[in-house]
Amino acid sequence: MRQIEDRFNHQFHYPWVFLNDEPFTQEFRLLTAGMASGDVEYGLIEKNEWQTPEWIDTEKAQEAMEKMVKNDVIYGGSVSYRYPSVVETVSDVDICVDTIRASFSVTHC
């Protein structure tokens, strides 16, 4: 986050959106809000929506994650890290945030 702010976002002040299946700690909120040049939102996704969908081949996914770990990919073995990475970027952040909330039943924390 610091690198993105230092190299790019300090000029544009785009907002940050953090989503998780557990409430964020006050320490995390203070640290991230302190680094952000734009607004920061924190959302809570229902645990059942944070789990692997039925249509995913879990054996194949596990093999791919093991390969990432072997290749020293950061968080390669973390399922919970993979899910937030699938949010599609759109040009209008408000539309993106509304889409995320609609798709994942996000509640403000």
N, C-alpha and C. Protein backbone atom coordinates (compact mmCIF):
# COMPACT_ATOMS: atom_id res chain seq x y z
N MET A 1 0.84 -1.19 0.00
CA MET A 1 0.00 0.00 0.00
C MET A 1 0.88 1.25 0.00
N ARG A 2 1.93 1.21 0.81
CA ARG A 2 2.83 2.37 0.88
C ARG A 2 3.45 2.65 -0.49
N GLN A 3 3.89 1.59 -1.19
CA GLN A 3 4.51 1.78 -2.50
C GLN A 3 3.53 2.37 -3.51
N ILE A 4 2.28 1.89 -3.49
CA ILE A 4 1.27 2.42 -4.42
C ILE A 4 1.00 3.89 -4.11
N GLU A 5 0.89 4.21 -2.84
CA GLU A 5 0.66 5.61 -2.46
C GLU A 5 1.84 6.49 -2.86
N ASP A 6 3.06 6.02 -2.55
CA ASP A 6 4.26 6.83 -2.84
C ASP A 6 4.48 7.04 -4.33
N ARG A 7 4.20 6.03 -5.14
CA ARG A 7 4.53 6.10 -6.56
C ARG A 7 3.38 6.59 -7.44
N PHE A 8 2.16 6.52 -6.94
CA PHE A 8 1.03 6.82 -7.82
C PHE A 8 -0.09 7.59 -7.11
N ASN A 9 -0.65 6.98 -6.09
CA ASN A 9 -1.93 7.48 -5.58
C ASN A 9 -1.82 8.82 -4.85
N HIS A 10 -0.65 9.20 -4.38
CA HIS A 10 -0.53 10.51 -3.72
C HIS A 10 -0.87 11.65 -4.68
N GLN A 11 -0.81 11.37 -5.98
CA GLN A 11 -1.16 12.38 -6.98
C GLN A 11 -2.65 12.38 -7.31
N PHE A 12 -3.32 11.23 -7.13
CA PHE A 12 -4.70 11.09 -7.61
C PHE A 12 -5.73 10.87 -6.50
N HIS A 13 -5.29 10.40 -5.35
CA HIS A 13 -6.16 10.24 -4.17
C HIS A 13 -7.33 9.29 -4.39
N TYR A 14 -7.08 8.19 -5.13
CA TYR A 14 -8.14 7.19 -5.31
C TYR A 14 -8.47 6.56 -3.97
N PRO A 15 -9.71 6.18 -3.77
CA PRO A 15 -10.09 5.55 -2.49
C PRO A 15 -9.57 4.11 -2.40
N TRP A 16 -9.48 3.62 -1.20
CA TRP A 16 -9.11 2.24 -0.91
C TRP A 16 -10.32 1.52 -0.36
N VAL A 17 -10.53 0.27 -0.78
CA VAL A 17 -11.62 -0.55 -0.27
C VAL A 17 -11.02 -1.86 0.22
N PHE A 18 -11.19 -2.14 1.50
CA PHE A 18 -10.69 -3.38 2.10
C PHE A 18 -11.89 -4.25 2.45
N LEU A 19 -11.84 -5.50 2.01
CA LEU A 19 -12.91 -6.46 2.28
C LEU A 19 -12.33 -7.66 3.01
N ASN A 20 -13.09 -8.21 3.94
CA ASN A 20 -12.63 -9.37 4.68
C ASN A 20 -13.83 -10.14 5.21
N ASP A 21 -13.58 -11.38 5.63
CA ASP A 21 -14.66 -12.18 6.22
C ASP A 21 -14.67 -12.07 7.73
N GLU A 22 -13.75 -11.29 8.29
CA GLU A 22 -13.70 -11.00 9.72
C GLU A 22 -13.54 -9.50 9.89
N PRO A 23 -14.05 -8.94 10.98
CA PRO A 23 -13.91 -7.50 11.18
C PRO A 23 -12.42 -7.09 11.24
N PHE A 24 -12.12 -5.93 10.69
CA PHE A 24 -10.77 -5.41 10.74
C PHE A 24 -10.46 -4.88 12.13
N THR A 25 -9.22 -5.03 12.56
CA THR A 25 -8.82 -4.52 13.87
C THR A 25 -8.70 -3.00 13.81
N GLN A 26 -8.80 -2.38 14.94
CA GLN A 26 -8.64 -0.93 15.02
C GLN A 26 -7.23 -0.54 14.58
N GLU A 27 -6.25 -1.36 14.92
CA GLU A 27 -4.87 -1.09 14.52
C GLU A 27 -4.75 -1.08 12.99
N PHE A 28 -5.35 -2.07 12.31
CA PHE A 28 -5.31 -2.14 10.85
C PHE A 28 -5.98 -0.90 10.26
N ARG A 29 -7.12 -0.52 10.81
CA ARG A 29 -7.84 0.66 10.31
C ARG A 29 -7.00 1.93 10.46
N LEU A 30 -6.37 2.09 11.60
CA LEU A 30 -5.56 3.29 11.83
C LEU A 30 -4.35 3.32 10.90
N LEU A 31 -3.67 2.18 10.74
CA LEU A 31 -2.49 2.13 9.88
C LEU A 31 -2.84 2.40 8.42
N THR A 32 -3.89 1.75 7.91
CA THR A 32 -4.24 1.91 6.50
C THR A 32 -4.81 3.31 6.24
N ALA A 33 -5.64 3.80 7.14
CA ALA A 33 -6.19 5.16 6.95
C ALA A 33 -5.07 6.19 7.00
N GLY A 34 -4.05 5.94 7.82
CA GLY A 34 -2.92 6.86 7.91
C GLY A 34 -2.06 6.88 6.65
N MET A 35 -2.02 5.78 5.94
CA MET A 35 -1.22 5.70 4.70
C MET A 35 -1.98 6.23 3.49
N ALA A 36 -3.29 6.17 3.52
CA ALA A 36 -4.11 6.50 2.34
C ALA A 36 -4.21 8.00 2.12
N SER A 37 -4.07 8.39 0.86
CA SER A 37 -4.27 9.80 0.52
C SER A 37 -5.73 10.06 0.14
N GLY A 38 -6.48 8.99 -0.14
CA GLY A 38 -7.91 9.10 -0.46
C GLY A 38 -8.74 8.50 0.66
N ASP A 39 -10.04 8.43 0.42
CA ASP A 39 -10.94 7.83 1.39
C ASP A 39 -10.66 6.34 1.54
N VAL A 40 -11.02 5.78 2.70
CA VAL A 40 -10.84 4.35 2.95
C VAL A 40 -12.17 3.78 3.44
N GLU A 41 -12.57 2.66 2.84
CA GLU A 41 -13.78 1.96 3.28
C GLU A 41 -13.40 0.54 3.67
N TYR A 42 -14.10 0.02 4.68
CA TYR A 42 -13.88 -1.34 5.17
C TYR A 42 -15.20 -2.08 5.09
N GLY A 43 -15.18 -3.26 4.48
CA GLY A 43 -16.41 -4.03 4.33
C GLY A 43 -16.25 -5.43 4.88
N LEU A 44 -17.36 -5.97 5.31
CA LEU A 44 -17.39 -7.33 5.86
C LEU A 44 -18.22 -8.20 4.92
N ILE A 45 -17.62 -9.28 4.44
CA ILE A 45 -18.29 -10.22 3.54
C ILE A 45 -18.73 -11.42 4.36
N GLU A 46 -19.94 -11.88 4.14
CA GLU A 46 -20.44 -13.05 4.84
C GLU A 46 -19.50 -14.24 4.63
N LYS A 47 -19.25 -15.02 5.69
CA LYS A 47 -18.33 -16.16 5.60
C LYS A 47 -18.71 -17.14 4.49
N ASN A 48 -20.01 -17.40 4.31
CA ASN A 48 -20.43 -18.36 3.29
C ASN A 48 -20.14 -17.86 1.88
N GLU A 49 -19.98 -16.55 1.69
CA GLU A 49 -19.65 -15.99 0.38
C GLU A 49 -18.14 -15.89 0.18
N TRP A 50 -17.37 -16.17 1.21
CA TRP A 50 -15.92 -16.10 1.16
C TRP A 50 -15.32 -17.47 0.87
N GLN A 51 -16.15 -18.48 0.84
CA GLN A 51 -15.68 -19.85 0.64
C GLN A 51 -15.61 -20.20 -0.84
N THR A 52 -14.94 -21.30 -1.12
CA THR A 52 -14.77 -21.76 -2.49
C THR A 52 -16.11 -22.15 -3.10
N PRO A 53 -16.46 -21.59 -4.28
CA PRO A 53 -17.71 -21.97 -4.94
C PRO A 53 -17.69 -23.45 -5.35
N GLU A 54 -18.86 -24.03 -5.45
CA GLU A 54 -18.98 -25.46 -5.78
C GLU A 54 -18.39 -25.78 -7.15
N TRP A 55 -18.42 -24.85 -8.09
CA TRP A 55 -17.96 -25.13 -9.45
C TRP A 55 -16.43 -25.12 -9.60
N ILE A 56 -15.70 -24.78 -8.53
CA ILE A 56 -14.24 -24.78 -8.57
C ILE A 56 -13.72 -26.21 -8.34
N ASP A 57 -12.80 -26.66 -9.16
CA ASP A 57 -12.12 -27.94 -8.99
C ASP A 57 -11.08 -27.74 -7.89
N THR A 58 -11.42 -28.12 -6.65
CA THR A 58 -10.54 -27.83 -5.51
C THR A 58 -9.21 -28.57 -5.60
N GLU A 59 -9.22 -29.75 -6.19
CA GLU A 59 -7.96 -30.49 -6.34
C GLU A 59 -7.00 -29.74 -7.27
N LYS A 60 -7.54 -29.26 -8.37
CA LYS A 60 -6.74 -28.49 -9.34
C LYS A 60 -6.26 -27.18 -8.71
N ALA A 61 -7.14 -26.54 -7.95
CA ALA A 61 -6.79 -25.29 -7.29
C ALA A 61 -5.67 -25.53 -6.27
N GLN A 62 -5.76 -26.60 -5.51
CA GLN A 62 -4.73 -26.94 -4.53
C GLN A 62 -3.39 -27.18 -5.21
N GLU A 63 -3.40 -27.89 -6.32
CA GLU A 63 -2.17 -28.14 -7.07
C GLU A 63 -1.54 -26.83 -7.55
N ALA A 64 -2.37 -25.93 -8.03
CA ALA A 64 -1.88 -24.63 -8.50
C ALA A 64 -1.28 -23.83 -7.34
N MET A 65 -1.93 -23.89 -6.18
CA MET A 65 -1.41 -23.16 -5.01
C MET A 65 -0.09 -23.76 -4.55
N GLU A 66 0.02 -25.07 -4.57
CA GLU A 66 1.28 -25.72 -4.19
C GLU A 66 2.41 -25.30 -5.13
N LYS A 67 2.08 -25.17 -6.41
CA LYS A 67 3.07 -24.72 -7.39
C LYS A 67 3.49 -23.28 -7.09
N MET A 68 2.53 -22.43 -6.72
CA MET A 68 2.86 -21.04 -6.39
C MET A 68 3.77 -20.98 -5.16
N VAL A 69 3.49 -21.82 -4.15
CA VAL A 69 4.33 -21.86 -2.96
C VAL A 69 5.75 -22.28 -3.34
N LYS A 70 5.84 -23.32 -4.16
CA LYS A 70 7.14 -23.82 -4.62
C LYS A 70 7.91 -22.74 -5.37
N ASN A 71 7.20 -21.89 -6.12
CA ASN A 71 7.82 -20.82 -6.89
C ASN A 71 7.96 -19.51 -6.11
N ASP A 72 7.74 -19.59 -4.79
CA ASP A 72 7.88 -18.43 -3.90
C ASP A 72 6.97 -17.27 -4.25
N VAL A 73 5.77 -17.56 -4.75
CA VAL A 73 4.79 -16.50 -5.01
C VAL A 73 4.23 -16.04 -3.67
N ILE A 74 4.25 -14.73 -3.44
CA ILE A 74 3.77 -14.21 -2.17
C ILE A 74 2.31 -14.62 -1.96
N TYR A 75 2.00 -15.13 -0.80
CA TYR A 75 0.67 -15.63 -0.42
C TYR A 75 0.18 -16.73 -1.37
N GLY A 76 1.09 -17.41 -2.02
CA GLY A 76 0.73 -18.46 -2.97
C GLY A 76 -0.13 -19.55 -2.37
N GLY A 77 0.04 -19.84 -1.10
CA GLY A 77 -0.74 -20.89 -0.45
C GLY A 77 -1.94 -20.39 0.33
N SER A 78 -2.27 -19.15 0.18
CA SER A 78 -3.37 -18.56 0.96
C SER A 78 -4.65 -18.45 0.14
N VAL A 79 -5.64 -19.25 0.51
CA VAL A 79 -6.94 -19.19 -0.16
C VAL A 79 -7.61 -17.85 0.12
N SER A 80 -7.54 -17.39 1.36
CA SER A 80 -8.23 -16.14 1.71
C SER A 80 -7.63 -14.94 1.00
N TYR A 81 -6.37 -15.01 0.60
CA TYR A 81 -5.75 -13.92 -0.15
C TYR A 81 -6.21 -13.92 -1.61
N ARG A 82 -6.50 -15.06 -2.16
CA ARG A 82 -6.87 -15.19 -3.57
C ARG A 82 -8.23 -14.53 -3.87
N TYR A 83 -9.20 -14.63 -2.96
CA TYR A 83 -10.54 -14.13 -3.25
C TYR A 83 -10.62 -12.63 -3.46
N PRO A 84 -9.99 -11.82 -2.61
CA PRO A 84 -10.10 -10.38 -2.86
C PRO A 84 -9.44 -9.97 -4.16
N SER A 85 -8.60 -10.79 -4.71
CA SER A 85 -7.88 -10.44 -5.93
C SER A 85 -8.73 -10.57 -7.18
N VAL A 86 -9.95 -11.08 -7.07
CA VAL A 86 -10.76 -11.30 -8.26
C VAL A 86 -11.69 -10.14 -8.58
N VAL A 87 -11.66 -9.11 -7.76
CA VAL A 87 -12.54 -7.96 -8.00
C VAL A 87 -12.06 -7.22 -9.24
N GLU A 88 -12.95 -7.05 -10.20
CA GLU A 88 -12.60 -6.39 -11.46
C GLU A 88 -12.52 -4.88 -11.26
N THR A 89 -11.49 -4.29 -11.81
CA THR A 89 -11.33 -2.84 -11.74
C THR A 89 -12.20 -2.18 -12.80
N VAL A 90 -12.88 -1.13 -12.39
CA VAL A 90 -13.68 -0.35 -13.34
C VAL A 90 -13.27 1.11 -13.20
N SER A 91 -13.62 1.91 -14.17
CA SER A 91 -13.16 3.29 -14.16
C SER A 91 -13.84 4.12 -13.07
N ASP A 92 -15.06 3.82 -12.73
CA ASP A 92 -15.76 4.59 -11.71
C ASP A 92 -15.74 3.81 -10.41
N VAL A 93 -14.98 4.29 -9.42
CA VAL A 93 -14.81 3.56 -8.16
C VAL A 93 -16.15 3.37 -7.44
N ASP A 94 -17.04 4.37 -7.50
CA ASP A 94 -18.33 4.22 -6.84
C ASP A 94 -19.12 3.04 -7.42
N ILE A 95 -19.06 2.87 -8.74
CA ILE A 95 -19.73 1.73 -9.36
C ILE A 95 -19.09 0.45 -8.87
N CYS A 96 -17.76 0.43 -8.77
CA CYS A 96 -17.04 -0.75 -8.31
C CYS A 96 -17.45 -1.11 -6.89
N VAL A 97 -17.49 -0.12 -6.01
CA VAL A 97 -17.87 -0.37 -4.62
C VAL A 97 -19.31 -0.87 -4.54
N ASP A 98 -20.22 -0.24 -5.28
CA ASP A 98 -21.61 -0.70 -5.28
C ASP A 98 -21.73 -2.12 -5.83
N THR A 99 -20.96 -2.44 -6.85
CA THR A 99 -20.98 -3.79 -7.43
C THR A 99 -20.46 -4.80 -6.43
N ILE A 100 -19.40 -4.45 -5.73
CA ILE A 100 -18.86 -5.35 -4.71
C ILE A 100 -19.89 -5.59 -3.62
N ARG A 101 -20.50 -4.53 -3.15
CA ARG A 101 -21.52 -4.68 -2.10
C ARG A 101 -22.67 -5.56 -2.57
N ALA A 102 -23.14 -5.35 -3.79
CA ALA A 102 -24.25 -6.14 -4.32
C ALA A 102 -23.84 -7.59 -4.52
N SER A 103 -22.62 -7.82 -4.97
CA SER A 103 -22.18 -9.18 -5.26
C SER A 103 -21.90 -9.99 -4.02
N PHE A 104 -21.42 -9.35 -2.97
CA PHE A 104 -20.95 -10.10 -1.81
C PHE A 104 -21.73 -9.80 -0.52
N SER A 105 -22.83 -9.10 -0.61
CA SER A 105 -23.58 -8.73 0.59
C SER A 105 -22.68 -8.06 1.62
N VAL A 106 -21.94 -7.06 1.17
CA VAL A 106 -20.99 -6.37 2.03
C VAL A 106 -21.73 -5.45 2.97
N THR A 107 -21.30 -5.45 4.21
CA THR A 107 -21.80 -4.50 5.19
C THR A 107 -20.64 -3.63 5.65
N HIS A 108 -20.92 -2.38 5.97
CA HIS A 108 -19.88 -1.50 6.50
C HIS A 108 -19.49 -1.97 7.88
N CYS A 109 -18.22 -1.84 8.21
CA CYS A 109 -17.71 -2.23 9.52
C CYS A 109 -17.41 -0.99 10.33
